[in-house]
Amino acid sequence: MTHVVAEPCFGCKYTDCVVVCPVECFYEGESMLYIHPDECIDCEACVPECPVEAIFHEDNLPEKWKEYKELNAEMAPKCPPITEKKEPLGPPV
């Protein structure tokens, strides 16, 4: 099981979640963050840290964002890991 970063992260890219991840499974894309599904240990530490509520357990991912499960799996291996907090791209939408 894994967690998934969904649509609310796009364009704001808050990084509060990455500093609490015990296994460093977050990866930074140009417009949003991704969780590597093979690395996530399903601890849920990141969920309450996201100010835009963009992180969901894969079983609770809203239907309108189901494609983000595959997107995270596809993009995480292509992006650099992120472990430190950075300035967001913009305010929450």
PDB file of N, CA and C in Angstrom:
ATOM      1  N   MET A   1       0.846  -1.184   0.000  1.00  0.00           N
ATOM      2  CA  MET A   1       0.000   0.000   0.000  1.00  0.00           C
ATOM      3  C   MET A   1       0.888   1.243   0.000  1.00  0.00           C
ATOM      4  N   THR A   2       0.323   2.303  -0.521  1.00  0.00           N
ATOM      5  CA  THR A   2       1.086   3.544  -0.622  1.00  0.00           C
ATOM      6  C   THR A   2       0.167   4.753  -0.512  1.00  0.00           C
ATOM      7  N   HIS A   3       0.793   5.889  -0.362  1.00  0.00           N
ATOM      8  CA  HIS A   3       0.080   7.147  -0.407  1.00  0.00           C
ATOM      9  C   HIS A   3       0.366   7.800  -1.755  1.00  0.00           C
ATOM     10  N   VAL A   4      -0.519   8.706  -2.138  1.00  0.00           N
ATOM     11  CA  VAL A   4      -0.460   9.327  -3.454  1.00  0.00           C
ATOM     12  C   VAL A   4      -0.604  10.834  -3.301  1.00  0.00           C
ATOM     13  N   VAL A   5       0.218  11.578  -4.018  1.00  0.00           N
ATOM     14  CA  VAL A   5       0.067  13.028  -4.075  1.00  0.00           C
ATOM     15  C   VAL A   5      -0.854  13.319  -5.265  1.00  0.00           C
ATOM     16  N   ALA A   6      -1.911  14.105  -5.015  1.00  0.00           N
ATOM     17  CA  ALA A   6      -2.926  14.352  -6.043  1.00  0.00           C
ATOM     18  C   ALA A   6      -2.972  15.822  -6.469  1.00  0.00           C
ATOM     19  N   GLU A   7      -3.957  16.160  -7.239  1.00  0.00           N
ATOM     20  CA  GLU A   7      -4.164  17.459  -7.881  1.00  0.00           C
ATOM     21  C   GLU A   7      -3.916  18.691  -7.001  1.00  0.00           C
ATOM     22  N   PRO A   8      -4.357  18.711  -5.725  1.00  0.00           N
ATOM     23  CA  PRO A   8      -4.160  19.945  -4.950  1.00  0.00           C
ATOM     24  C   PRO A   8      -2.702  20.394  -4.816  1.00  0.00           C
ATOM     25  N   CYS A   9      -1.754  19.481  -5.012  1.00  0.00           N
ATOM     26  CA  CYS A   9      -0.333  19.842  -4.926  1.00  0.00           C
ATOM     27  C   CYS A   9       0.133  20.595  -6.170  1.00  0.00           C
ATOM     28  N   PHE A  10      -0.528  20.386  -7.283  1.00  0.00           N
ATOM     29  CA  PHE A  10      -0.093  20.968  -8.552  1.00  0.00           C
ATOM     30  C   PHE A  10      -0.108  22.495  -8.474  1.00  0.00           C
ATOM     31  N   GLY A  11       1.039  23.083  -8.757  1.00  0.00           N
ATOM     32  CA  GLY A  11       1.134  24.534  -8.786  1.00  0.00           C
ATOM     33  C   GLY A  11       1.458  25.203  -7.471  1.00  0.00           C
ATOM     34  N   CYS A  12       1.385  24.500  -6.361  1.00  0.00           N
ATOM     35  CA  CYS A  12       1.774  25.135  -5.094  1.00  0.00           C
ATOM     36  C   CYS A  12       2.966  24.413  -4.472  1.00  0.00           C
ATOM     37  N   LYS A  13       3.000  23.107  -4.538  1.00  0.00           N
ATOM     38  CA  LYS A  13       4.149  22.291  -4.150  1.00  0.00           C
ATOM     39  C   LYS A  13       4.705  22.641  -2.771  1.00  0.00           C
ATOM     40  N   TYR A  14       3.867  22.546  -1.762  1.00  0.00           N
ATOM     41  CA  TYR A  14       4.347  22.702  -0.393  1.00  0.00           C
ATOM     42  C   TYR A  14       5.217  21.495  -0.057  1.00  0.00           C
ATOM     43  N   THR A  15       6.214  21.693   0.772  1.00  0.00           N
ATOM     44  CA  THR A  15       7.138  20.603   1.083  1.00  0.00           C
ATOM     45  C   THR A  15       7.153  20.249   2.567  1.00  0.00           C
ATOM     46  N   ASP A  16       6.141  20.645   3.295  1.00  0.00           N
ATOM     47  CA  ASP A  16       6.046  20.312   4.712  1.00  0.00           C
ATOM     48  C   ASP A  16       6.071  18.798   4.915  1.00  0.00           C
ATOM     49  N   CYS A  17       5.521  18.077   3.966  1.00  0.00           N
ATOM     50  CA  CYS A  17       5.399  16.621   4.047  1.00  0.00           C
ATOM     51  C   CYS A  17       6.741  15.907   3.984  1.00  0.00           C
ATOM     52  N   VAL A  18       7.666  16.439   3.230  1.00  0.00           N
ATOM     53  CA  VAL A  18       8.923  15.712   3.002  1.00  0.00           C
ATOM     54  C   VAL A  18       9.790  15.624   4.250  1.00  0.00           C
ATOM     55  N   VAL A  19       9.724  16.612   5.115  1.00  0.00           N
ATOM     56  CA  VAL A  19      10.581  16.609   6.300  1.00  0.00           C
ATOM     57  C   VAL A  19      10.141  15.601   7.358  1.00  0.00           C
ATOM     58  N   VAL A  20       8.911  15.134   7.296  1.00  0.00           N
ATOM     59  CA  VAL A  20       8.434  14.155   8.284  1.00  0.00           C
ATOM     60  C   VAL A  20       8.481  12.721   7.758  1.00  0.00           C
ATOM     61  N   CYS A  21       8.818  12.541   6.498  1.00  0.00           N
ATOM     62  CA  CYS A  21       8.843  11.206   5.897  1.00  0.00           C
ATOM     63  C   CYS A  21      10.062  10.426   6.413  1.00  0.00           C
ATOM     64  N   PRO A  22       9.835   9.302   7.106  1.00  0.00           N
ATOM     65  CA  PRO A  22      10.957   8.547   7.658  1.00  0.00           C
ATOM     66  C   PRO A  22      11.756   7.754   6.627  1.00  0.00           C
ATOM     67  N   VAL A  23      11.214   7.576   5.435  1.00  0.00           N
ATOM     68  CA  VAL A  23      11.914   6.789   4.411  1.00  0.00           C
ATOM     69  C   VAL A  23      12.297   7.604   3.175  1.00  0.00           C
ATOM     70  N   GLU A  24      12.053   8.898   3.212  1.00  0.00           N
ATOM     71  CA  GLU A  24      12.440   9.802   2.120  1.00  0.00           C
ATOM     72  C   GLU A  24      11.926   9.325   0.762  1.00  0.00           C
ATOM     73  N   CYS A  25      10.619   9.117   0.673  1.00  0.00           N
ATOM     74  CA  CYS A  25      10.022   8.600  -0.565  1.00  0.00           C
ATOM     75  C   CYS A  25       9.387   9.680  -1.432  1.00  0.00           C
ATOM     76  N   PHE A  26       9.666  10.963  -1.142  1.00  0.00           N
ATOM     77  CA  PHE A  26       9.129  12.055  -1.953  1.00  0.00           C
ATOM     78  C   PHE A  26      10.123  12.465  -3.029  1.00  0.00           C
ATOM     79  N   TYR A  27       9.570  12.817  -4.181  1.00  0.00           N
ATOM     80  CA  TYR A  27      10.380  13.239  -5.319  1.00  0.00           C
ATOM     81  C   TYR A  27       9.788  14.530  -5.862  1.00  0.00           C
ATOM     82  N   GLU A  28      10.663  15.416  -6.324  1.00  0.00           N
ATOM     83  CA  GLU A  28      10.230  16.745  -6.746  1.00  0.00           C
ATOM     84  C   GLU A  28      10.157  16.883  -8.251  1.00  0.00           C
ATOM     85  N   GLY A  29       8.929  17.078  -8.736  1.00  0.00           N
ATOM     86  CA  GLY A  29       8.715  17.367 -10.139  1.00  0.00           C
ATOM     87  C   GLY A  29       8.700  18.868 -10.344  1.00  0.00           C
ATOM     88  N   GLU A  30       8.545  19.287 -11.566  1.00  0.00           N
ATOM     89  CA  GLU A  30       8.549  20.709 -11.879  1.00  0.00           C
ATOM     90  C   GLU A  30       7.388  21.456 -11.234  1.00  0.00           C
ATOM     91  N   SER A  31       6.198  20.824 -11.206  1.00  0.00           N
ATOM     92  CA  SER A  31       5.010  21.508 -10.710  1.00  0.00           C
ATOM     93  C   SER A  31       4.379  20.892  -9.472  1.00  0.00           C
ATOM     94  N   MET A  32       4.856  19.707  -9.064  1.00  0.00           N
ATOM     95  CA  MET A  32       4.280  19.053  -7.884  1.00  0.00           C
ATOM     96  C   MET A  32       5.250  18.004  -7.352  1.00  0.00           C
ATOM     97  N   LEU A  33       4.907  17.449  -6.201  1.00  0.00           N
ATOM     98  CA  LEU A  33       5.693  16.381  -5.596  1.00  0.00           C
ATOM     99  C   LEU A  33       5.054  15.040  -5.941  1.00  0.00           C
ATOM    100  N   TYR A  34       5.859  13.984  -5.825  1.00  0.00           N
ATOM    101  CA  TYR A  34       5.378  12.630  -6.076  1.00  0.00           C
ATOM    102  C   TYR A  34       5.870  11.719  -4.957  1.00  0.00           C
ATOM    103  N   ILE A  35       5.122  10.666  -4.678  1.00  0.00           N
ATOM    104  CA  ILE A  35       5.524   9.648  -3.718  1.00  0.00           C
ATOM    105  C   ILE A  35       5.858   8.391  -4.501  1.00  0.00           C
ATOM    106  N   HIS A  36       7.029   7.827  -4.225  1.00  0.00           N
ATOM    107  CA  HIS A  36       7.431   6.578  -4.893  1.00  0.00           C
ATOM    108  C   HIS A  36       6.690   5.429  -4.215  1.00  0.00           C
ATOM    109  N   PRO A  37       5.838   4.717  -4.941  1.00  0.00           N
ATOM    110  CA  PRO A  37       5.010   3.676  -4.322  1.00  0.00           C
ATOM    111  C   PRO A  37       5.799   2.492  -3.770  1.00  0.00           C
ATOM    112  N   ASP A  38       6.988   2.228  -4.306  1.00  0.00           N
ATOM    113  CA  ASP A  38       7.799   1.117  -3.811  1.00  0.00           C
ATOM    114  C   ASP A  38       8.572   1.485  -2.551  1.00  0.00           C
ATOM    115  N   GLU A  39       8.615   2.763  -2.224  1.00  0.00           N
ATOM    116  CA  GLU A  39       9.371   3.215  -1.062  1.00  0.00           C
ATOM    117  C   GLU A  39       8.488   3.629   0.110  1.00  0.00           C
ATOM    118  N   CYS A  40       7.266   4.026  -0.162  1.00  0.00           N
ATOM    119  CA  CYS A  40       6.334   4.470   0.884  1.00  0.00           C
ATOM    120  C   CYS A  40       6.018   3.300   1.819  1.00  0.00           C
ATOM    121  N   ILE A  41       6.110   3.551   3.125  1.00  0.00           N
ATOM    122  CA  ILE A  41       5.813   2.500   4.104  1.00  0.00           C
ATOM    123  C   ILE A  41       4.436   2.677   4.732  1.00  0.00           C
ATOM    124  N   ASP A  42       3.645   3.574   4.181  1.00  0.00           N
ATOM    125  CA  ASP A  42       2.267   3.742   4.613  1.00  0.00           C
ATOM    126  C   ASP A  42       2.145   4.199   6.067  1.00  0.00           C
ATOM    127  N   CYS A  43       3.069   5.049   6.502  1.00  0.00           N
ATOM    128  CA  CYS A  43       3.060   5.494   7.901  1.00  0.00           C
ATOM    129  C   CYS A  43       2.074   6.630   8.157  1.00  0.00           C
ATOM    130  N   GLU A  44       1.672   7.335   7.112  1.00  0.00           N
ATOM    131  CA  GLU A  44       0.722   8.453   7.170  1.00  0.00           C
ATOM    132  C   GLU A  44       1.256   9.716   7.831  1.00  0.00           C
ATOM    133  N   ALA A  45       2.548   9.783   8.126  1.00  0.00           N
ATOM    134  CA  ALA A  45       3.115  10.976   8.767  1.00  0.00           C
ATOM    135  C   ALA A  45       2.935  12.216   7.897  1.00  0.00           C
ATOM    136  N   CYS A  46       2.954  12.038   6.589  1.00  0.00           N
ATOM    137  CA  CYS A  46       2.870  13.170   5.659  1.00  0.00           C
ATOM    138  C   CYS A  46       1.469  13.751   5.532  1.00  0.00           C
ATOM    139  N   VAL A  47       0.469  12.936   5.731  1.00  0.00           N
ATOM    140  CA  VAL A  47      -0.916  13.362   5.466  1.00  0.00           C
ATOM    141  C   VAL A  47      -1.315  14.618   6.242  1.00  0.00           C
ATOM    142  N   PRO A  48      -1.154  14.661   7.561  1.00  0.00           N
ATOM    143  CA  PRO A  48      -1.579  15.872   8.276  1.00  0.00           C
ATOM    144  C   PRO A  48      -0.683  17.084   8.039  1.00  0.00           C
ATOM    145  N   GLU A  49       0.494  16.877   7.468  1.00  0.00           N
ATOM    146  CA  GLU A  49       1.427  17.978   7.227  1.00  0.00           C
ATOM    147  C   GLU A  49       1.116  18.766   5.956  1.00  0.00           C
ATOM    148  N   CYS A  50       0.322  18.206   5.060  1.00  0.00           N
ATOM    149  CA  CYS A  50       0.028  18.858   3.793  1.00  0.00           C
ATOM    150  C   CYS A  50      -1.042  19.930   3.983  1.00  0.00           C
ATOM    151  N   PRO A  51      -0.682  21.214   3.782  1.00  0.00           N
ATOM    152  CA  PRO A  51      -1.655  22.289   4.014  1.00  0.00           C
ATOM    153  C   PRO A  51      -2.777  22.356   2.978  1.00  0.00           C
ATOM    154  N   VAL A  52      -2.620  21.668   1.844  1.00  0.00           N
ATOM    155  CA  VAL A  52      -3.663  21.696   0.820  1.00  0.00           C
ATOM    156  C   VAL A  52      -4.397  20.350   0.709  1.00  0.00           C
ATOM    157  N   GLU A  53      -4.106  19.446   1.640  1.00  0.00           N
ATOM    158  CA  GLU A  53      -4.767  18.130   1.680  1.00  0.00           C
ATOM    159  C   GLU A  53      -4.658  17.403   0.342  1.00  0.00           C
ATOM    160  N   ALA A  54      -3.420  17.286  -0.150  1.00  0.00           N
ATOM    161  CA  ALA A  54      -3.174  16.666  -1.449  1.00  0.00           C
ATOM    162  C   ALA A  54      -2.735  15.213  -1.347  1.00  0.00           C
ATOM    163  N   ILE A  55      -2.504  14.691  -0.138  1.00  0.00           N
ATOM    164  CA  ILE A  55      -1.973  13.335   0.026  1.00  0.00           C
ATOM    165  C   ILE A  55      -3.067  12.409   0.536  1.00  0.00           C
ATOM    166  N   PHE A  56      -3.237  11.307  -0.194  1.00  0.00           N
ATOM    167  CA  PHE A  56      -4.278  10.335   0.129  1.00  0.00           C
ATOM    168  C   PHE A  56      -3.704   8.926   0.135  1.00  0.00           C
ATOM    169  N   HIS A  57      -4.261   8.077   0.992  1.00  0.00           N
ATOM    170  CA  HIS A  57      -3.953   6.652   0.892  1.00  0.00           C
ATOM    171  C   HIS A  57      -4.550   6.196  -0.432  1.00  0.00           C
ATOM    172  N   GLU A  58      -3.875   5.301  -1.132  1.00  0.00           N
ATOM    173  CA  GLU A  58      -4.355   4.890  -2.455  1.00  0.00           C
ATOM    174  C   GLU A  58      -5.787   4.355  -2.420  1.00  0.00           C
ATOM    175  N   ASP A  59      -6.197   3.745  -1.313  1.00  0.00           N
ATOM    176  CA  ASP A  59      -7.559   3.230  -1.198  1.00  0.00           C
ATOM    177  C   ASP A  59      -8.594   4.325  -0.986  1.00  0.00           C
ATOM    178  N   ASN A  60      -8.148   5.510  -0.579  1.00  0.00           N
ATOM    179  CA  ASN A  60      -9.059   6.627  -0.310  1.00  0.00           C
ATOM    180  C   ASN A  60      -8.907   7.770  -1.310  1.00  0.00           C
ATOM    181  N   LEU A  61      -8.189   7.515  -2.382  1.00  0.00           N
ATOM    182  CA  LEU A  61      -7.985   8.531  -3.404  1.00  0.00           C
ATOM    183  C   LEU A  61      -9.321   8.853  -4.073  1.00  0.00           C
ATOM    184  N   PRO A  62      -9.729  10.124  -4.077  1.00  0.00           N
ATOM    185  CA  PRO A  62     -11.003  10.482  -4.721  1.00  0.00           C
ATOM    186  C   PRO A  62     -11.028  10.029  -6.182  1.00  0.00           C
ATOM    187  N   GLU A  63     -12.167   9.588  -6.621  1.00  0.00           N
ATOM    188  CA  GLU A  63     -12.346   9.066  -7.980  1.00  0.00           C
ATOM    189  C   GLU A  63     -11.829  10.036  -9.039  1.00  0.00           C
ATOM    190  N   LYS A  64     -12.072  11.339  -8.825  1.00  0.00           N
ATOM    191  CA  LYS A  64     -11.664  12.332  -9.823  1.00  0.00           C
ATOM    192  C   LYS A  64     -10.148  12.449  -9.954  1.00  0.00           C
ATOM    193  N   TRP A  65      -9.391  11.874  -9.001  1.00  0.00           N
ATOM    194  CA  TRP A  65      -7.935  11.941  -9.037  1.00  0.00           C
ATOM    195  C   TRP A  65      -7.287  10.559  -9.126  1.00  0.00           C
ATOM    196  N   LYS A  66      -8.014   9.556  -9.542  1.00  0.00           N
ATOM    197  CA  LYS A  66      -7.490   8.181  -9.610  1.00  0.00           C
ATOM    198  C   LYS A  66      -6.238   8.067 -10.468  1.00  0.00           C
ATOM    199  N   GLU A  67      -6.136   8.870 -11.522  1.00  0.00           N
ATOM    200  CA  GLU A  67      -4.979   8.779 -12.413  1.00  0.00           C
ATOM    201  C   GLU A  67      -3.682   9.212 -11.726  1.00  0.00           C
ATOM    202  N   TYR A  68      -3.785   9.886 -10.592  1.00  0.00           N
ATOM    203  CA  TYR A  68      -2.584  10.319  -9.882  1.00  0.00           C
ATOM    204  C   TYR A  68      -1.818   9.145  -9.258  1.00  0.00           C
ATOM    205  N   LYS A  69      -2.472   8.042  -9.015  1.00  0.00           N
ATOM    206  CA  LYS A  69      -1.759   6.867  -8.512  1.00  0.00           C
ATOM    207  C   LYS A  69      -0.721   6.410  -9.539  1.00  0.00           C
ATOM    208  N   GLU A  70      -1.142   6.289 -10.770  1.00  0.00           N
ATOM    209  CA  GLU A  70      -0.231   5.905 -11.849  1.00  0.00           C
ATOM    210  C   GLU A  70       0.793   7.001 -12.130  1.00  0.00           C
ATOM    211  N   LEU A  71       0.371   8.256 -12.065  1.00  0.00           N
ATOM    212  CA  LEU A  71       1.276   9.372 -12.316  1.00  0.00           C
ATOM    213  C   LEU A  71       2.410   9.394 -11.289  1.00  0.00           C
ATOM    214  N   ASN A  72       2.091   9.190 -10.002  1.00  0.00           N
ATOM    215  CA  ASN A  72       3.133   9.147  -8.978  1.00  0.00           C
ATOM    216  C   ASN A  72       4.115   8.012  -9.258  1.00  0.00           C
ATOM    217  N   ALA A  73       3.598   6.837  -9.601  1.00  0.00           N
ATOM    218  CA  ALA A  73       4.454   5.681  -9.887  1.00  0.00           C
ATOM    219  C   ALA A  73       5.346   5.928 -11.100  1.00  0.00           C
ATOM    220  N   GLU A  74       4.816   6.631 -12.077  1.00  0.00           N
ATOM    221  CA  GLU A  74       5.575   6.906 -13.299  1.00  0.00           C
ATOM    222  C   GLU A  74       6.616   8.012 -13.099  1.00  0.00           C
ATOM    223  N   MET A  75       6.235   9.072 -12.398  1.00  0.00           N
ATOM    224  CA  MET A  75       7.102  10.247 -12.305  1.00  0.00           C
ATOM    225  C   MET A  75       8.142  10.190 -11.184  1.00  0.00           C
ATOM    226  N   ALA A  76       7.827   9.578 -10.063  1.00  0.00           N
ATOM    227  CA  ALA A  76       8.773   9.554  -8.945  1.00  0.00           C
ATOM    228  C   ALA A  76      10.159   9.047  -9.351  1.00  0.00           C
ATOM    229  N   PRO A  77      10.271   7.941 -10.103  1.00  0.00           N
ATOM    230  CA  PRO A  77      11.602   7.465 -10.480  1.00  0.00           C
ATOM    231  C   PRO A  77      12.352   8.400 -11.441  1.00  0.00           C
ATOM    232  N   LYS A  78      11.642   9.316 -12.069  1.00  0.00           N
ATOM    233  CA  LYS A  78      12.253  10.235 -13.038  1.00  0.00           C
ATOM    234  C   LYS A  78      12.693  11.558 -12.408  1.00  0.00           C
ATOM    235  N   CYS A  79      12.299  11.785 -11.159  1.00  0.00           N
ATOM    236  CA  CYS A  79      12.549  13.064 -10.495  1.00  0.00           C
ATOM    237  C   CYS A  79      13.579  12.905  -9.377  1.00  0.00           C
ATOM    238  N   PRO A  80      14.213  14.023  -8.996  1.00  0.00           N
ATOM    239  CA  PRO A  80      15.173  13.958  -7.895  1.00  0.00           C
ATOM    240  C   PRO A  80      14.451  13.843  -6.547  1.00  0.00           C
ATOM    241  N   PRO A  81      15.081  13.145  -5.592  1.00  0.00           N
ATOM    242  CA  PRO A  81      14.475  13.056  -4.264  1.00  0.00           C
ATOM    243  C   PRO A  81      14.485  14.421  -3.583  1.00  0.00           C
ATOM    244  N   ILE A  82      13.541  14.630  -2.689  1.00  0.00           N
ATOM    245  CA  ILE A  82      13.496  15.867  -1.914  1.00  0.00           C
ATOM    246  C   ILE A  82      13.313  15.487  -0.454  1.00  0.00           C
ATOM    247  N   THR A  83      14.174  16.026   0.404  1.00  0.00           N
ATOM    248  CA  THR A  83      14.122  15.701   1.828  1.00  0.00           C
ATOM    249  C   THR A  83      14.085  16.935   2.718  1.00  0.00           C
ATOM    250  N   GLU A  84      14.258  18.115   2.122  1.00  0.00           N
ATOM    251  CA  GLU A  84      14.262  19.347   2.899  1.00  0.00           C
ATOM    252  C   GLU A  84      13.166  20.285   2.430  1.00  0.00           C
ATOM    253  N   LYS A  85      12.653  21.054   3.366  1.00  0.00           N
ATOM    254  CA  LYS A  85      11.583  21.997   3.066  1.00  0.00           C
ATOM    255  C   LYS A  85      12.103  23.128   2.179  1.00  0.00           C
ATOM    256  N   LYS A  86      11.292  23.493   1.184  1.00  0.00           N
ATOM    257  CA  LYS A  86      11.599  24.598   0.276  1.00  0.00           C
ATOM    258  C   LYS A  86      10.414  25.549   0.228  1.00  0.00           C
ATOM    259  N   GLU A  87      10.625  26.702  -0.364  1.00  0.00           N
ATOM    260  CA  GLU A  87       9.535  27.648  -0.563  1.00  0.00           C
ATOM    261  C   GLU A  87       8.543  27.048  -1.557  1.00  0.00           C
ATOM    262  N   PRO A  88       7.250  27.166  -1.316  1.00  0.00           N
ATOM    263  CA  PRO A  88       6.263  26.648  -2.265  1.00  0.00           C
ATOM    264  C   PRO A  88       6.226  27.495  -3.534  1.00  0.00           C
ATOM    265  N   LEU A  89       5.643  26.938  -4.578  1.00  0.00           N
ATOM    266  CA  LEU A  89       5.485  27.677  -5.834  1.00  0.00           C
ATOM    267  C   LEU A  89       4.477  28.800  -5.707  1.00  0.00           C
ATOM    268  N   GLY A  90       3.452  28.574  -4.894  1.00  0.00           N
ATOM    269  CA  GLY A  90       2.414  29.573  -4.751  1.00  0.00           C
ATOM    270  C   GLY A  90       1.460  29.219  -3.631  1.00  0.00           C
ATOM    271  N   PRO A  91       0.477  30.062  -3.393  1.00  0.00           N
ATOM    272  CA  PRO A  91      -0.493  29.813  -2.326  1.00  0.00           C
ATOM    273  C   PRO A  91      -1.409  28.651  -2.680  1.00  0.00           C
ATOM    274  N   PRO A  92      -2.002  28.022  -1.662  1.00  0.00           N
ATOM    275  CA  PRO A  92      -2.965  26.954  -1.939  1.00  0.00           C
ATOM    276  C   PRO A  92      -4.121  27.456  -2.780  1.00  0.00           C
ATOM    277  N   VAL A  93      -4.566  26.624  -3.661  1.00  0.00           N
ATOM    278  CA  VAL A  93      -5.681  26.989  -4.544  1.00  0.00           C
ATOM    279  C   VAL A  93      -6.978  26.581  -3.906  1.00  0.00           C
TER     280      VAL A  93
END
